[in-house]
Amino acid sequence: MAVTIYDIADGARVSIATVSRVFNEHPRVSEATRRRVFRVAEQLGYEPHASA
């Protein structure tokens, strides 16, 4: 089963909106949160959907 932003949000203990903001390079996300989201995404083996 594919890893979703819901899984990443749960693992990083942030909202789904925050995960979306991180992936879309929103400037108002702290660097610490950005690192945490990317670390969890990597640990879970997240791969962005090609057509997204």
Protein backbone atom coordinates (compact mmCIF):
# COMPACT_ATOMS: atom_id res chain seq x y z
CA MET A 1 0.00 0.00 0.00
CA ALA A 2 1.33 3.43 -0.93
CA VAL A 3 2.39 5.92 1.72
CA THR A 4 0.13 8.98 1.82
CA ILE A 5 0.42 12.47 3.27
CA TYR A 6 -1.94 11.23 5.99
CA ASP A 7 0.69 8.67 7.05
CA ILE A 8 3.43 11.30 6.99
CA ALA A 9 1.31 13.76 9.00
CA ASP A 10 0.63 11.10 11.61
CA GLY A 11 4.29 10.11 11.87
CA ALA A 12 5.55 13.70 12.02
CA ARG A 13 2.73 14.75 14.38
CA VAL A 14 1.67 17.63 12.16
CA SER A 15 -1.47 18.40 10.20
CA ILE A 16 -2.10 17.20 6.67
CA ALA A 17 -2.06 20.86 5.62
CA THR A 18 1.45 21.23 7.05
CA VAL A 19 2.70 18.24 5.06
CA SER A 20 1.20 19.77 1.94
CA ARG A 21 2.85 23.11 2.70
CA VAL A 22 6.22 21.43 3.18
CA PHE A 23 5.98 19.59 -0.13
CA ASN A 24 4.89 22.78 -1.90
CA GLU A 25 7.76 24.80 -0.37
CA HIS A 26 5.51 27.23 1.50
CA PRO A 27 7.72 29.88 3.15
CA ARG A 28 5.87 29.94 6.49
CA VAL A 29 6.87 26.42 7.58
CA SER A 30 9.71 26.32 10.09
CA GLU A 31 12.93 24.59 9.11
CA ALA A 32 12.58 22.15 12.03
CA THR A 33 9.11 21.10 10.88
CA ARG A 34 10.29 20.84 7.29
CA ARG A 35 13.15 18.53 8.32
CA ARG A 36 10.82 16.40 10.49
CA VAL A 37 8.31 15.93 7.66
CA PHE A 38 11.03 15.01 5.14
CA ARG A 39 12.66 12.62 7.63
CA VAL A 40 9.37 10.79 8.26
CA ALA A 41 8.60 10.72 4.53
CA GLU A 42 11.98 9.11 3.87
CA GLN A 43 11.58 6.61 6.72
CA LEU A 44 8.19 5.55 5.36
CA GLY A 45 9.50 5.26 1.80
CA TYR A 46 7.25 7.99 0.42
CA GLU A 47 7.38 8.46 -3.34
CA PRO A 48 5.37 11.30 -4.91
CA HIS A 49 2.74 10.25 -7.42
CA ALA A 50 4.06 10.87 -10.95
CA SER A 51 0.91 12.58 -12.20
CA ALA A 52 0.35 14.73 -9.11
